[in-house]
Amino acid sequence: MKQTLLVVEDDPMIRNLIRLYLEKADYDVKTAGDGEEAKTIFLRDHPCLVILDLMLPKISGEELCQWFRDQENNEVSIIMLSAKASTNDKIQGLKMGADGYMTKPFEPEELVAQVEAVLRRTGQFCQKIAYGGLCIKPRKGEVLLYNQPIHLTKHEFTLLFYLMEHPNQVFSRADLLEQLYPYGDRDVMDRTIDAHVKKLREKIEESSSQRRLQTVRGMGYMFVP
């Protein structure tokens, strides 16, 4: 699965140029033109790395950087973009929590190279699958809903991870039982999956009208992003 990046830049030409180069480098790129939009996308898509312009409307880049750093369960990497080029400005940016700092104007290829360098250092924290505010981190055993931790049992976690790994694919109860009980526990019945799905829905779905875990009649269940 592609790593998700967030570009926060109020200049649409620069924003789109960065997006094009990063998409060419095989990243999933989200973009925002101001801090409020960036917060919404951040909580929804859980990016691995943020490219953050410091001169933003509504909320300054410095304030937004601090907000990113204050979020619970957050290991996002940040590369700052700024017209300020002095050594002191760069030091201040790094002290604020940036993992990288680039001055404008810049070459897009150089920015892509810096993104790759930062993710080589921090990419181990970016093992996650995220859809619509729901994020699962298999290596850490964590599930977040809009950046708030959700507590799942071992079987609930395994079931959710398997379904999120294969979005929009239908799995029968027998398929899912094989994932949860690979050694063939004879006391387990198909309805056990129904019970797990019911509990998961209570924990990860905001309303019954917007099902993340959908029932496909006569076939089984699937995760819908």
Protein backbone atom coordinates (compact mmCIF):
# COMPACT_ATOMS: atom_id res chain seq x y z
CA MET A 1 0.00 0.00 0.00
CA LYS A 2 1.28 3.48 -0.86
CA GLN A 3 2.49 5.80 1.88
CA THR A 4 0.20 8.79 2.37
CA LEU A 5 1.65 12.31 2.39
CA LEU A 6 -0.05 15.63 3.14
CA VAL A 7 1.02 18.83 1.36
CA VAL A 8 -0.08 22.03 3.15
CA GLU A 9 0.56 24.99 0.85
CA ASP A 10 -1.68 27.97 0.09
CA ASP A 11 -0.24 28.66 -3.37
CA PRO A 12 -2.21 26.35 -5.73
CA MET A 13 0.52 26.27 -8.38
CA ILE A 14 3.21 25.20 -5.91
CA ARG A 15 0.80 22.79 -4.22
CA ASN A 16 -0.10 21.05 -7.46
CA LEU A 17 3.52 20.94 -8.63
CA ILE A 18 4.57 19.20 -5.41
CA ARG A 19 1.63 16.80 -5.70
CA LEU A 20 2.53 15.83 -9.27
CA TYR A 21 6.16 15.09 -8.42
CA LEU A 22 5.27 13.09 -5.32
CA GLU A 23 2.61 11.08 -7.16
CA LYS A 24 5.19 10.34 -9.85
CA ALA A 25 7.38 8.97 -7.04
CA ASP A 26 4.48 6.62 -6.15
CA TYR A 27 3.10 8.32 -3.05
CA ASP A 28 -0.57 8.81 -2.18
CA VAL A 29 -0.78 12.61 -1.89
CA LYS A 30 -3.43 14.68 -0.10
CA THR A 31 -3.37 18.47 -0.32
CA ALA A 32 -4.66 21.37 1.79
CA GLY A 33 -4.64 25.12 1.19
CA ASP A 34 -4.93 26.20 4.82
CA GLY A 35 -4.57 24.94 8.38
CA GLU A 36 -8.21 24.08 9.02
CA GLU A 37 -8.39 21.92 5.91
CA ALA A 38 -5.08 20.33 6.87
CA LYS A 39 -6.41 19.34 10.31
CA THR A 40 -9.45 17.65 8.78
CA ILE A 41 -7.35 15.68 6.30
CA PHE A 42 -4.79 14.78 8.97
CA LEU A 43 -7.41 13.23 11.26
CA ARG A 44 -9.11 11.45 8.35
CA ASP A 45 -6.13 10.05 6.43
CA HIS A 46 -3.31 9.69 9.01
CA PRO A 47 -0.45 10.73 6.69
CA CYS A 48 3.07 9.42 7.23
CA LEU A 49 4.63 12.79 6.41
CA VAL A 50 3.50 16.41 6.13
CA ILE A 51 5.10 18.99 3.82
CA LEU A 52 4.24 22.21 5.61
CA ASP A 53 4.50 25.76 4.29
CA LEU A 54 5.05 28.18 7.18
CA MET A 55 3.22 31.14 5.58
CA LEU A 56 -0.42 30.01 5.70
CA PRO A 57 -3.77 31.81 6.05
CA LYS A 58 -5.98 31.30 9.13
CA ILE A 59 -3.44 29.22 11.08
CA SER A 60 0.30 29.78 10.79
CA GLY A 61 2.60 26.93 9.84
CA GLU A 62 4.28 27.18 13.25
CA GLU A 63 0.94 26.75 15.05
CA LEU A 64 -0.04 23.89 12.78
CA CYS A 65 3.28 22.14 13.36
CA GLN A 66 2.67 22.32 17.11
CA TRP A 67 -0.87 20.99 16.64
CA PHE A 68 0.46 18.00 14.67
CA ARG A 69 2.98 17.28 17.41
CA ASP A 70 0.33 17.50 20.13
CA GLN A 71 -1.90 14.82 18.62
CA GLU A 72 -2.17 11.57 20.53
CA ASN A 73 -0.49 8.46 19.07
CA ASN A 74 1.15 10.58 16.39
CA GLU A 75 4.52 9.82 14.79
CA VAL A 76 4.11 11.94 11.66
CA SER A 77 7.23 13.35 10.00
CA ILE A 78 7.26 17.04 9.00
CA ILE A 79 9.24 18.87 6.31
CA MET A 80 8.93 22.65 6.50
CA LEU A 81 8.91 24.96 3.48
CA SER A 82 9.86 28.58 4.03
CA ALA A 83 11.23 31.66 2.29
CA LYS A 84 13.36 32.23 5.38
CA ALA A 85 16.81 30.95 4.54
CA SER A 86 19.07 31.91 7.44
CA THR A 87 20.77 29.29 9.59
CA ASN A 88 18.87 30.57 12.62
CA ASP A 89 15.52 30.15 10.84
CA LYS A 90 16.38 26.55 9.97
CA ILE A 91 17.46 25.84 13.55
CA GLN A 92 14.19 27.28 14.87
CA GLY A 93 12.20 25.16 12.42
CA LEU A 94 13.96 21.99 13.55
CA LYS A 95 13.45 22.93 17.20
CA MET A 96 9.72 23.31 16.53
CA GLY A 97 9.61 19.65 15.54
CA ALA A 98 10.47 19.53 11.85
CA ASP A 99 12.37 16.54 10.48
CA GLY A 100 13.50 18.53 7.44
CA TYR A 101 13.61 22.15 6.24
CA MET A 102 13.67 23.49 2.68
CA THR A 103 13.85 27.08 1.53
CA LYS A 104 11.88 28.57 -1.35
CA PRO A 105 12.44 28.53 -4.25
CA PHE A 106 13.37 24.85 -4.44
CA GLU A 107 13.72 22.14 -7.04
CA PRO A 108 10.86 19.60 -6.85
CA GLU A 109 13.33 16.73 -7.35
CA GLU A 110 15.24 17.89 -4.28
CA LEU A 111 12.04 17.91 -2.21
CA VAL A 112 11.21 14.37 -3.34
CA ALA A 113 14.74 13.29 -2.36
CA GLN A 114 14.31 14.85 1.08
CA VAL A 115 10.93 13.11 1.53
CA GLU A 116 12.56 9.78 0.68
CA ALA A 117 15.45 10.46 3.07
CA VAL A 118 13.13 11.37 5.97
CA LEU A 119 10.93 8.32 5.39
CA ARG A 120 13.99 6.06 5.36
CA ARG A 121 14.61 7.22 8.92
CA THR A 122 11.01 7.25 10.12
CA GLY A 123 9.18 4.88 7.78
CA GLN A 124 9.01 2.11 10.40
CA PHE A 125 6.43 4.25 12.21
CA CYS A 126 4.28 4.40 9.08
CA GLN A 127 3.11 0.80 8.94
CA LYS A 128 -0.60 1.52 8.87
CA ILE A 129 -3.82 1.25 6.88
CA ALA A 130 -6.17 4.23 7.07
CA TYR A 131 -9.58 4.91 5.55
CA GLY A 132 -11.98 7.70 6.45
CA GLY A 133 -10.57 8.46 9.88
CA LEU A 134 -10.11 4.79 10.83
CA CYS A 135 -6.47 3.75 11.15
CA ILE A 136 -4.96 0.40 12.10
CA LYS A 137 -1.27 -0.05 12.99
CA PRO A 138 -0.53 -3.79 12.81
CA ARG A 139 3.00 -3.64 14.23
CA LYS A 140 1.89 -1.63 17.26
CA GLY A 141 -1.46 -3.35 17.72
CA GLU A 142 -3.28 0.00 17.70
CA VAL A 143 -6.55 1.14 16.19
CA LEU A 144 -7.46 4.84 16.02
CA LEU A 145 -10.73 6.51 15.07
CA TYR A 146 -10.10 10.18 14.22
CA ASN A 147 -6.87 9.84 16.22
CA GLN A 148 -8.60 8.51 19.34
CA PRO A 149 -7.58 4.99 20.46
CA ILE A 150 -10.13 2.20 20.07
CA HIS A 151 -9.68 -0.85 22.30
CA LEU A 152 -10.24 -4.17 20.50
CA THR A 153 -9.89 -7.77 21.57
CA LYS A 154 -7.28 -9.95 19.83
CA HIS A 155 -9.90 -11.52 17.54
CA GLU A 156 -11.55 -8.17 16.75
CA PHE A 157 -8.16 -6.71 15.82
CA THR A 158 -7.26 -9.67 13.61
CA LEU A 159 -10.62 -9.57 11.86
CA LEU A 160 -10.50 -5.81 11.25
CA PHE A 161 -6.93 -5.92 9.97
CA TYR A 162 -7.72 -8.71 7.51
CA LEU A 163 -10.79 -6.91 6.17
CA MET A 164 -9.01 -3.54 5.90
CA GLU A 165 -6.14 -5.22 4.04
CA HIS A 166 -8.67 -6.32 1.43
CA PRO A 167 -11.18 -3.47 1.03
CA ASN A 168 -14.31 -4.05 -1.05
CA GLN A 169 -13.72 -7.81 -1.11
CA VAL A 170 -16.39 -10.16 0.21
CA PHE A 171 -15.32 -12.94 2.60
CA SER A 172 -17.53 -15.78 3.75
CA ARG A 173 -17.83 -16.62 7.44
CA ALA A 174 -15.72 -19.71 6.75
CA ASP A 175 -12.96 -17.54 5.25
CA LEU A 176 -12.96 -15.27 8.29
CA LEU A 177 -13.06 -18.17 10.75
CA GLU A 178 -9.91 -19.50 9.08
CA GLN A 179 -8.17 -16.20 9.81
CA LEU A 180 -9.24 -16.15 13.46
CA TYR A 181 -8.90 -19.84 14.24
CA PRO A 182 -6.32 -21.31 11.83
CA TYR A 183 -5.96 -24.49 13.85
CA GLY A 184 -9.59 -25.49 13.42
CA ASP A 185 -11.22 -24.96 16.82
CA ARG A 186 -14.21 -27.29 16.55
CA ASP A 187 -16.18 -25.42 19.18
CA VAL A 188 -16.31 -22.30 17.00
CA MET A 189 -19.37 -21.74 14.83
CA ASP A 190 -20.12 -19.41 11.94
CA ARG A 191 -22.21 -17.18 14.21
CA THR A 192 -19.03 -16.35 16.14
CA ILE A 193 -18.07 -14.11 13.22
CA ASP A 194 -21.42 -12.36 13.45
CA ALA A 195 -20.76 -11.62 17.12
CA HIS A 196 -17.30 -10.21 16.38
CA VAL A 197 -18.66 -8.03 13.56
CA LYS A 198 -21.42 -6.70 15.82
CA LYS A 199 -18.88 -5.70 18.47
CA LEU A 200 -16.60 -4.11 15.86
CA ARG A 201 -19.45 -2.07 14.45
CA GLU A 202 -20.23 -0.71 17.91
CA LYS A 203 -16.63 0.45 18.26
CA ILE A 204 -15.70 1.80 14.81
CA GLU A 205 -18.93 3.00 13.19
CA GLU A 206 -20.45 6.38 13.93
CA SER A 207 -23.94 5.39 12.73
CA SER A 208 -25.82 2.40 11.34
CA SER A 209 -26.47 4.33 8.12
CA GLN A 210 -22.74 4.46 7.29
CA ARG A 211 -21.51 0.89 7.54
CA ARG A 212 -17.77 0.31 7.31
CA LEU A 213 -18.41 -3.43 7.77
CA GLN A 214 -21.13 -4.38 5.32
CA THR A 215 -23.13 -7.59 5.19
CA VAL A 216 -23.46 -9.14 1.74
CA ARG A 217 -26.52 -11.32 1.97
CA GLY A 218 -25.86 -14.98 1.37
CA MET A 219 -22.11 -14.41 1.00
CA GLY A 220 -20.48 -12.82 4.05
CA TYR A 221 -18.85 -9.52 4.99
CA MET A 222 -16.66 -6.86 3.46
CA PHE A 223 -14.91 -3.67 4.56
CA VAL A 224 -16.00 -0.58 2.63
CA PRO A 225 -13.58 2.39 2.83
